[in-house]
Amino acid sequence: LGVNAQFFEIAKGTGVRFSTGSDAHCVEDVGKH
């Protein structure tokens, strides 16, 4: 679910904007998690 917990908490605290992406390489993985 994205970057590791330490990285994520620092990012949240810094106020960065997030994007979300499955990195799907096939149709079946679109929207995964």
Full PDB file with SEQRES, HELIX, SHEET, SSBOND, CRYST1, ORIGX, SCALE, CONECT and MASTER records, all heavy atoms in Angstrom:
SEQRES   1 A   33  LEU GLY VAL ASN ALA GLN PHE PHE GLU ILE ALA LYS GLY          
SEQRES   2 A   33  THR GLY VAL ARG PHE SER THR GLY SER ASP ALA HIS CYS          
SEQRES   3 A   33  VAL GLU ASP VAL GLY LYS HIS                                  
HELIX    1 AA1 ALA A    5  THR A   14  1                                  10    
HELIX    2 AA2 VAL A   27  ASP A   29  5                                   3    
CRYST1    1.000    1.000    1.000  90.00  90.00  90.00 P 1           1          
ORIGX1      1.000000  0.000000  0.000000        0.00000                         
ORIGX2      0.000000  1.000000  0.000000        0.00000                         
ORIGX3      0.000000  0.000000  1.000000        0.00000                         
SCALE1      1.000000  0.000000  0.000000        0.00000                         
SCALE2      0.000000  1.000000  0.000000        0.00000                         
SCALE3      0.000000  0.000000  1.000000        0.00000                         
ATOM      1  N   LEU A   1       0.834  -1.199   0.000  1.00  0.00           N  
ATOM      2  CA  LEU A   1       0.000   0.000   0.000  1.00  0.00           C  
ATOM      3  C   LEU A   1       0.867   1.247   0.000  1.00  0.00           C  
ATOM      4  O   LEU A   1       0.786   2.099   0.881  1.00  0.00           O  
ATOM      5  CB  LEU A   1      -0.953  -0.001   1.195  1.00  0.00           C  
ATOM      6  CG  LEU A   1      -2.033  -1.083   1.218  1.00  0.00           C  
ATOM      7  CD1 LEU A   1      -2.924  -0.924   2.437  1.00  0.00           C  
ATOM      8  CD2 LEU A   1      -2.873  -1.052  -0.069  1.00  0.00           C  
ATOM      9  N   GLY A   2       1.731   1.340  -0.998  1.00  0.00           N  
ATOM     10  CA  GLY A   2       2.542   2.539  -1.137  1.00  0.00           C  
ATOM     11  C   GLY A   2       3.853   2.467  -0.393  1.00  0.00           C  
ATOM     12  O   GLY A   2       4.366   1.382  -0.107  1.00  0.00           O  
ATOM     13  N   VAL A   3       4.402   3.613  -0.061  1.00  0.00           N  
ATOM     14  CA  VAL A   3       5.697   3.677   0.612  1.00  0.00           C  
ATOM     15  C   VAL A   3       5.586   3.106   2.024  1.00  0.00           C  
ATOM     16  O   VAL A   3       4.495   2.968   2.574  1.00  0.00           O  
ATOM     17  CB  VAL A   3       6.221   5.127   0.661  1.00  0.00           C  
ATOM     18  CG1 VAL A   3       6.454   5.658  -0.737  1.00  0.00           C  
ATOM     19  CG2 VAL A   3       5.265   6.039   1.423  1.00  0.00           C  
ATOM     20  N   ASN A   4       6.740   2.793   2.615  1.00  0.00           N  
ATOM     21  CA  ASN A   4       6.751   2.211   3.954  1.00  0.00           C  
ATOM     22  C   ASN A   4       6.198   3.200   4.977  1.00  0.00           C  
ATOM     23  O   ASN A   4       6.045   4.398   4.710  1.00  0.00           O  
ATOM     24  CB  ASN A   4       8.161   1.754   4.333  1.00  0.00           C  
ATOM     25  CG  ASN A   4       9.155   2.901   4.422  1.00  0.00           C  
ATOM     26  OD1 ASN A   4       9.067   3.763   5.294  1.00  0.00           O  
ATOM     27  ND2 ASN A   4      10.118   2.934   3.503  1.00  0.00           N  
ATOM     28  N   ALA A   5       5.866   2.694   6.154  1.00  0.00           N  
ATOM     29  CA  ALA A   5       5.158   3.476   7.167  1.00  0.00           C  
ATOM     30  C   ALA A   5       5.913   4.730   7.585  1.00  0.00           C  
ATOM     31  O   ALA A   5       5.321   5.806   7.747  1.00  0.00           O  
ATOM     32  CB  ALA A   5       4.873   2.603   8.388  1.00  0.00           C  
ATOM     33  N   GLN A   6       7.226   4.619   7.771  1.00  0.00           N  
ATOM     34  CA  GLN A   6       8.016   5.788   8.174  1.00  0.00           C  
ATOM     35  C   GLN A   6       7.965   6.870   7.098  1.00  0.00           C  
ATOM     36  O   GLN A   6       7.726   8.047   7.390  1.00  0.00           O  
ATOM     37  CB  GLN A   6       9.470   5.390   8.441  1.00  0.00           C  
ATOM     38  CG  GLN A   6      10.341   6.550   8.912  1.00  0.00           C  
ATOM     39  CD  GLN A   6      11.823   6.206   8.976  1.00  0.00           C  
ATOM     40  OE1 GLN A   6      12.317   5.399   8.175  1.00  0.00           O  
ATOM     41  NE2 GLN A   6      12.530   6.792   9.915  1.00  0.00           N  
ATOM     42  N   PHE A   7       8.178   6.470   5.874  1.00  0.00           N  
ATOM     43  CA  PHE A   7       8.150   7.389   4.733  1.00  0.00           C  
ATOM     44  C   PHE A   7       6.766   8.047   4.636  1.00  0.00           C  
ATOM     45  O   PHE A   7       6.642   9.259   4.453  1.00  0.00           O  
ATOM     46  CB  PHE A   7       8.471   6.602   3.470  1.00  0.00           C  
ATOM     47  CG  PHE A   7       8.909   7.415   2.280  1.00  0.00           C  
ATOM     48  CD1 PHE A   7       9.514   6.783   1.201  1.00  0.00           C  
ATOM     49  CD2 PHE A   7       8.726   8.784   2.207  1.00  0.00           C  
ATOM     50  CE1 PHE A   7       9.917   7.490   0.083  1.00  0.00           C  
ATOM     51  CE2 PHE A   7       9.132   9.517   1.088  1.00  0.00           C  
ATOM     52  CZ  PHE A   7       9.721   8.857   0.025  1.00  0.00           C  
ATOM     53  N   PHE A   8       5.728   7.252   4.775  1.00  0.00           N  
ATOM     54  CA  PHE A   8       4.363   7.764   4.649  1.00  0.00           C  
ATOM     55  C   PHE A   8       4.048   8.807   5.718  1.00  0.00           C  
ATOM     56  O   PHE A   8       3.482   9.868   5.425  1.00  0.00           O  
ATOM     57  CB  PHE A   8       3.369   6.606   4.733  1.00  0.00           C  
ATOM     58  CG  PHE A   8       1.932   7.029   4.692  1.00  0.00           C  
ATOM     59  CD1 PHE A   8       1.400   7.635   3.570  1.00  0.00           C  
ATOM     60  CD2 PHE A   8       1.104   6.822   5.791  1.00  0.00           C  
ATOM     61  CE1 PHE A   8       0.060   8.032   3.533  1.00  0.00           C  
ATOM     62  CE2 PHE A   8      -0.227   7.208   5.767  1.00  0.00           C  
ATOM     63  CZ  PHE A   8      -0.747   7.822   4.635  1.00  0.00           C  
ATOM     64  N   GLU A   9       4.409   8.523   6.949  1.00  0.00           N  
ATOM     65  CA  GLU A   9       4.114   9.465   8.035  1.00  0.00           C  
ATOM     66  C   GLU A   9       4.873  10.775   7.850  1.00  0.00           C  
ATOM     67  O   GLU A   9       4.341  11.857   8.130  1.00  0.00           O  
ATOM     68  CB  GLU A   9       4.458   8.824   9.374  1.00  0.00           C  
ATOM     69  CG  GLU A   9       3.521   7.692   9.780  1.00  0.00           C  
ATOM     70  CD  GLU A   9       2.058   8.118   9.845  1.00  0.00           C  
ATOM     71  OE1 GLU A   9       1.787   9.274  10.276  1.00  0.00           O  
ATOM     72  OE2 GLU A   9       1.192   7.324   9.448  1.00  0.00           O  
ATOM     73  N   ILE A  10       6.097  10.691   7.376  1.00  0.00           N  
ATOM     74  CA  ILE A  10       6.876  11.909   7.121  1.00  0.00           C  
ATOM     75  C   ILE A  10       6.236  12.703   5.983  1.00  0.00           C  
ATOM     76  O   ILE A  10       6.119  13.929   6.046  1.00  0.00           O  
ATOM     77  CB  ILE A  10       8.337  11.552   6.794  1.00  0.00           C  
ATOM     78  CG1 ILE A  10       9.022  10.992   8.054  1.00  0.00           C  
ATOM     79  CG2 ILE A  10       9.093  12.764   6.264  1.00  0.00           C  
ATOM     80  CD1 ILE A  10      10.377  10.383   7.792  1.00  0.00           C  
ATOM     81  N   ALA A  11       5.802  11.998   4.940  1.00  0.00           N  
ATOM     82  CA  ALA A  11       5.147  12.660   3.809  1.00  0.00           C  
ATOM     83  C   ALA A  11       3.865  13.357   4.253  1.00  0.00           C  
ATOM     84  O   ALA A  11       3.602  14.506   3.876  1.00  0.00           O  
ATOM     85  CB  ALA A  11       4.856  11.647   2.706  1.00  0.00           C  
ATOM     86  N   LYS A  12       3.066  12.668   5.070  1.00  0.00           N  
ATOM     87  CA  LYS A  12       1.838  13.269   5.579  1.00  0.00           C  
ATOM     88  C   LYS A  12       2.147  14.510   6.408  1.00  0.00           C  
ATOM     89  O   LYS A  12       1.493  15.550   6.274  1.00  0.00           O  
ATOM     90  CB  LYS A  12       1.072  12.256   6.430  1.00  0.00           C  
ATOM     91  CG  LYS A  12       0.396  11.151   5.643  1.00  0.00           C  
ATOM     92  CD  LYS A  12      -0.881  11.624   4.972  1.00  0.00           C  
ATOM     93  CE  LYS A  12      -1.971  11.862   5.988  1.00  0.00           C  
ATOM     94  NZ  LYS A  12      -3.276  12.172   5.338  1.00  0.00           N  
ATOM     95  N   GLY A  13       3.143  14.398   7.258  1.00  0.00           N  
ATOM     96  CA  GLY A  13       3.510  15.520   8.106  1.00  0.00           C  
ATOM     97  C   GLY A  13       4.062  16.700   7.335  1.00  0.00           C  
ATOM     98  O   GLY A  13       3.920  17.857   7.759  1.00  0.00           O  
ATOM     99  N   THR A  14       4.676  16.425   6.210  1.00  0.00           N  
ATOM    100  CA  THR A  14       5.238  17.481   5.378  1.00  0.00           C  
ATOM    101  C   THR A  14       4.162  18.173   4.560  1.00  0.00           C  
ATOM    102  O   THR A  14       4.348  19.307   4.105  1.00  0.00           O  
ATOM    103  CB  THR A  14       6.318  16.896   4.445  1.00  0.00           C  
ATOM    104  OG1 THR A  14       7.276  16.171   5.219  1.00  0.00           O  
ATOM    105  CG2 THR A  14       7.048  17.986   3.677  1.00  0.00           C  
ATOM    106  N   GLY A  15       3.048  17.475   4.349  1.00  0.00           N  
ATOM    107  CA  GLY A  15       1.945  18.055   3.597  1.00  0.00           C  
ATOM    108  C   GLY A  15       2.029  17.858   2.105  1.00  0.00           C  
ATOM    109  O   GLY A  15       1.433  18.632   1.341  1.00  0.00           O  
ATOM    110  N   VAL A  16       2.735  16.817   1.663  1.00  0.00           N  
ATOM    111  CA  VAL A  16       2.794  16.556   0.226  1.00  0.00           C  
ATOM    112  C   VAL A  16       1.449  16.026  -0.270  1.00  0.00           C  
ATOM    113  O   VAL A  16       0.653  15.476   0.500  1.00  0.00           O  
ATOM    114  CB  VAL A  16       3.899  15.533  -0.126  1.00  0.00           C  
ATOM    115  CG1 VAL A  16       5.248  16.016   0.358  1.00  0.00           C  
ATOM    116  CG2 VAL A  16       3.591  14.153   0.449  1.00  0.00           C  
ATOM    117  N   ARG A  17       1.206  16.186  -1.558  1.00  0.00           N  
ATOM    118  CA  ARG A  17       0.034  15.602  -2.187  1.00  0.00           C  
ATOM    119  C   ARG A  17       0.385  14.193  -2.667  1.00  0.00           C  
ATOM    120  O   ARG A  17       1.513  13.939  -3.091  1.00  0.00           O  
ATOM    121  CB  ARG A  17      -0.427  16.443  -3.379  1.00  0.00           C  
ATOM    122  CG  ARG A  17      -0.910  17.830  -2.979  1.00  0.00           C  
ATOM    123  CD  ARG A  17      -1.435  18.590  -4.193  1.00  0.00           C  
ATOM    124  NE  ARG A  17      -0.397  18.789  -5.191  1.00  0.00           N  
ATOM    125  CZ  ARG A  17      -0.526  18.491  -6.489  1.00  0.00           C  
ATOM    126  NH1 ARG A  17      -1.654  17.953  -6.945  1.00  0.00           N  
ATOM    127  NH2 ARG A  17       0.458  18.717  -7.332  1.00  0.00           N  
ATOM    128  N   PHE A  18      -0.583  13.304  -2.591  1.00  0.00           N  
ATOM    129  CA  PHE A  18      -0.370  11.923  -2.999  1.00  0.00           C  
ATOM    130  C   PHE A  18      -1.094  11.614  -4.305  1.00  0.00           C  
ATOM    131  O   PHE A  18      -2.163  12.152  -4.587  1.00  0.00           O  
ATOM    132  CB  PHE A  18      -0.883  10.955  -1.929  1.00  0.00           C  
ATOM    133  CG  PHE A  18      -0.123  10.989  -0.638  1.00  0.00           C  
ATOM    134  CD1 PHE A  18      -0.592  11.731   0.443  1.00  0.00           C  
ATOM    135  CD2 PHE A  18       1.066  10.290  -0.497  1.00  0.00           C  
ATOM    136  CE1 PHE A  18       0.101  11.761   1.646  1.00  0.00           C  
ATOM    137  CE2 PHE A  18       1.766  10.315   0.694  1.00  0.00           C  
ATOM    138  CZ  PHE A  18       1.289  11.052   1.768  1.00  0.00           C  
ATOM    139  N   SER A  19      -0.507  10.722  -5.087  1.00  0.00           N  
ATOM    140  CA  SER A  19      -1.224  10.065  -6.179  1.00  0.00           C  
ATOM    141  C   SER A  19      -1.289   8.583  -5.842  1.00  0.00           C  
ATOM    142  O   SER A  19      -0.502   8.081  -5.027  1.00  0.00           O  
ATOM    143  CB  SER A  19      -0.521  10.269  -7.518  1.00  0.00           C  
ATOM    144  OG  SER A  19       0.682   9.510  -7.580  1.00  0.00           O  
ATOM    145  N   THR A  20      -2.234   7.894  -6.439  1.00  0.00           N  
ATOM    146  CA  THR A  20      -2.372   6.462  -6.219  1.00  0.00           C  
ATOM    147  C   THR A  20      -2.281   5.746  -7.554  1.00  0.00           C  
ATOM    148  O   THR A  20      -2.860   6.183  -8.550  1.00  0.00           O  
ATOM    149  CB  THR A  20      -3.716   6.133  -5.544  1.00  0.00           C  
ATOM    150  OG1 THR A  20      -4.792   6.716  -6.295  1.00  0.00           O  
ATOM    151  CG2 THR A  20      -3.753   6.694  -4.130  1.00  0.00           C  
ATOM    152  N   GLY A  21      -1.542   4.635  -7.578  1.00  0.00           N  
ATOM    153  CA  GLY A  21      -1.374   3.906  -8.826  1.00  0.00           C  
ATOM    154  C   GLY A  21      -1.103   2.436  -8.586  1.00  0.00           C  
ATOM    155  O   GLY A  21      -0.347   2.068  -7.683  1.00  0.00           O  
ATOM    156  N   SER A  22      -1.736   1.600  -9.372  1.00  0.00           N  
ATOM    157  CA  SER A  22      -1.566   0.152  -9.224  1.00  0.00           C  
ATOM    158  C   SER A  22      -0.299  -0.360  -9.897  1.00  0.00           C  
ATOM    159  O   SER A  22       0.158  -1.455  -9.587  1.00  0.00           O  
ATOM    160  CB  SER A  22      -2.768  -0.571  -9.835  1.00  0.00           C  
ATOM    161  OG  SER A  22      -2.831  -0.349 -11.244  1.00  0.00           O  
ATOM    162  N   ASP A  23       0.268   0.431 -10.818  1.00  0.00           N  
ATOM    163  CA  ASP A  23       1.399  -0.038 -11.627  1.00  0.00           C  
ATOM    164  C   ASP A  23       1.011  -1.292 -12.411  1.00  0.00           C  
ATOM    165  O   ASP A  23       1.845  -2.173 -12.659  1.00  0.00           O  
ATOM    166  CB  ASP A  23       2.618  -0.315 -10.757  1.00  0.00           C  
ATOM    167  CG  ASP A  23       3.934  -0.075 -11.494  1.00  0.00           C  
ATOM    168  OD1 ASP A  23       3.915  -0.046 -12.738  1.00  0.00           O  
ATOM    169  OD2 ASP A  23       4.966   0.057 -10.817  1.00  0.00           O  
ATOM    170  N   ALA A  24      -0.262  -1.374 -12.787  1.00  0.00           N  
ATOM    171  CA  ALA A  24      -0.763  -2.544 -13.508  1.00  0.00           C  
ATOM    172  C   ALA A  24      -0.066  -2.682 -14.854  1.00  0.00           C  
ATOM    173  O   ALA A  24       0.126  -1.708 -15.573  1.00  0.00           O  
ATOM    174  CB  ALA A  24      -2.268  -2.420 -13.712  1.00  0.00           C  
ATOM    175  N   HIS A  25       0.298  -3.927 -15.181  1.00  0.00           N  
ATOM    176  CA  HIS A  25       0.848  -4.247 -16.496  1.00  0.00           C  
ATOM    177  C   HIS A  25      -0.088  -5.174 -17.264  1.00  0.00           C  
ATOM    178  O   HIS A  25       0.264  -5.687 -18.325  1.00  0.00           O  
ATOM    179  CB  HIS A  25       2.227  -4.874 -16.363  1.00  0.00           C  
ATOM    180  CG  HIS A  25       3.319  -3.887 -16.065  1.00  0.00           C  
ATOM    181  ND1 HIS A  25       3.385  -3.190 -14.873  1.00  0.00           N  
ATOM    182  CD2 HIS A  25       4.376  -3.463 -16.801  1.00  0.00           C  
ATOM    183  CE1 HIS A  25       4.454  -2.396 -14.893  1.00  0.00           C  
ATOM    184  NE2 HIS A  25       5.064  -2.539 -16.051  1.00  0.00           N  
ATOM    185  N   CYS A  26      -1.271  -5.403 -16.703  1.00  0.00           N  
ATOM    186  CA  CYS A  26      -2.292  -6.197 -17.373  1.00  0.00           C  
ATOM    187  C   CYS A  26      -3.656  -5.685 -16.935  1.00  0.00           C  
ATOM    188  O   CYS A  26      -3.785  -5.037 -15.887  1.00  0.00           O  
ATOM    189  CB  CYS A  26      -2.150  -7.681 -17.061  1.00  0.00           C  
ATOM    190  SG  CYS A  26      -2.307  -8.102 -15.314  1.00  0.00           S  
ATOM    191  N   VAL A  27      -4.660  -5.961 -17.725  1.00  0.00           N  
ATOM    192  CA  VAL A  27      -6.009  -5.459 -17.444  1.00  0.00           C  
ATOM    193  C   VAL A  27      -6.492  -5.900 -16.072  1.00  0.00           C  
ATOM    194  O   VAL A  27      -7.119  -5.125 -15.335  1.00  0.00           O  
ATOM    195  CB  VAL A  27      -6.981  -5.939 -18.540  1.00  0.00           C  
ATOM    196  CG1 VAL A  27      -8.414  -5.588 -18.182  1.00  0.00           C  
ATOM    197  CG2 VAL A  27      -6.601  -5.333 -19.890  1.00  0.00           C  
ATOM    198  N   GLU A  28      -6.179  -7.133 -15.694  1.00  0.00           N  
ATOM    199  CA  GLU A  28      -6.689  -7.697 -14.448  1.00  0.00           C  
ATOM    200  C   GLU A  28      -6.257  -6.917 -13.210  1.00  0.00           C  
ATOM    201  O   GLU A  28      -6.938  -6.947 -12.178  1.00  0.00           O  
ATOM    202  CB  GLU A  28      -6.251  -9.157 -14.315  1.00  0.00           C  
ATOM    203  CG  GLU A  28      -6.869 -10.103 -15.322  1.00  0.00           C  
ATOM    204  CD  GLU A  28      -6.294  -9.982 -16.723  1.00  0.00           C  
ATOM    205  OE1 GLU A  28      -5.181  -9.407 -16.876  1.00  0.00           O  
ATOM    206  OE2 GLU A  28      -6.952 -10.441 -17.681  1.00  0.00           O  
ATOM    207  N   ASP A  29      -5.131  -6.226 -13.289  1.00  0.00           N  
ATOM    208  CA  ASP A  29      -4.598  -5.524 -12.118  1.00  0.00           C  
ATOM    209  C   ASP A  29      -5.036  -4.063 -12.017  1.00  0.00           C  
ATOM    210  O   ASP A  29      -4.656  -3.366 -11.067  1.00  0.00           O  
ATOM    211  CB  ASP A  29      -3.073  -5.600 -12.117  1.00  0.00           C  
ATOM    212  CG  ASP A  29      -2.566  -6.975 -11.730  1.00  0.00           C  
ATOM    213  OD1 ASP A  29      -3.333  -7.742 -11.119  1.00  0.00           O  
ATOM    214  OD2 ASP A  29      -1.397  -7.292 -12.059  1.00  0.00           O  
ATOM    215  N   VAL A  30      -5.813  -3.586 -12.949  1.00  0.00           N  
ATOM    216  CA  VAL A  30      -6.292  -2.204 -12.892  1.00  0.00           C  
ATOM    217  C   VAL A  30      -7.098  -1.991 -11.606  1.00  0.00           C  
ATOM    218  O   VAL A  30      -7.994  -2.771 -11.275  1.00  0.00           O  
ATOM    219  CB  VAL A  30      -7.166  -1.876 -14.121  1.00  0.00           C  
ATOM    220  CG1 VAL A  30      -7.856  -0.527 -13.943  1.00  0.00           C  
ATOM    221  CG2 VAL A  30      -6.325  -1.888 -15.382  1.00  0.00           C  
ATOM    222  N   GLY A  31      -6.759  -0.978 -10.869  1.00  0.00           N  
ATOM    223  CA  GLY A  31      -7.476  -0.651  -9.634  1.00  0.00           C  
ATOM    224  C   GLY A  31      -7.107  -1.493  -8.435  1.00  0.00           C  
ATOM    225  O   GLY A  31      -7.700  -1.336  -7.357  1.00  0.00           O  
ATOM    226  N   LYS A  32      -6.106  -2.343  -8.571  1.00  0.00           N  
ATOM    227  CA  LYS A  32      -5.718  -3.243  -7.477  1.00  0.00           C  
ATOM    228  C   LYS A  32      -5.284  -2.452  -6.244  1.00  0.00           C  
ATOM    229  O   LYS A  32      -4.362  -1.646  -6.293  1.00  0.00           O  
ATOM    230  CB  LYS A  32      -4.588  -4.158  -7.937  1.00  0.00           C  
ATOM    231  CG  LYS A  32      -4.142  -5.180  -6.910  1.00  0.00           C  
ATOM    232  CD  LYS A  32      -3.043  -6.072  -7.481  1.00  0.00           C  
ATOM    233  CE  LYS A  32      -2.572  -7.108  -6.460  1.00  0.00           C  
ATOM    234  NZ  LYS A  32      -1.489  -7.967  -7.027  1.00  0.00           N  
ATOM    235  N   HIS A  33      -5.994  -2.666  -5.138  1.00  0.00           N  
ATOM    236  CA  HIS A  33      -5.711  -2.044  -3.830  1.00  0.00           C  
ATOM    237  C   HIS A  33      -5.865  -0.522  -3.831  1.00  0.00           C  
ATOM    238  O   HIS A  33      -5.430   0.141  -2.867  1.00  0.00           O  
ATOM    239  CB  HIS A  33      -4.311  -2.413  -3.338  1.00  0.00           C  
ATOM    240  CG  HIS A  33      -4.092  -3.878  -3.137  1.00  0.00           C  
ATOM    241  ND1 HIS A  33      -5.006  -4.685  -2.473  1.00  0.00           N  
ATOM    242  CD2 HIS A  33      -3.071  -4.706  -3.534  1.00  0.00           C  
ATOM    243  CE1 HIS A  33      -4.549  -5.926  -2.459  1.00  0.00           C  
ATOM    244  NE2 HIS A  33      -3.398  -5.968  -3.103  1.00  0.00           N  
TER     245      HIS A  33                                                      
MASTER        0    0    0    2    0    0    0    6  244    1    0    3          
END                                                                             
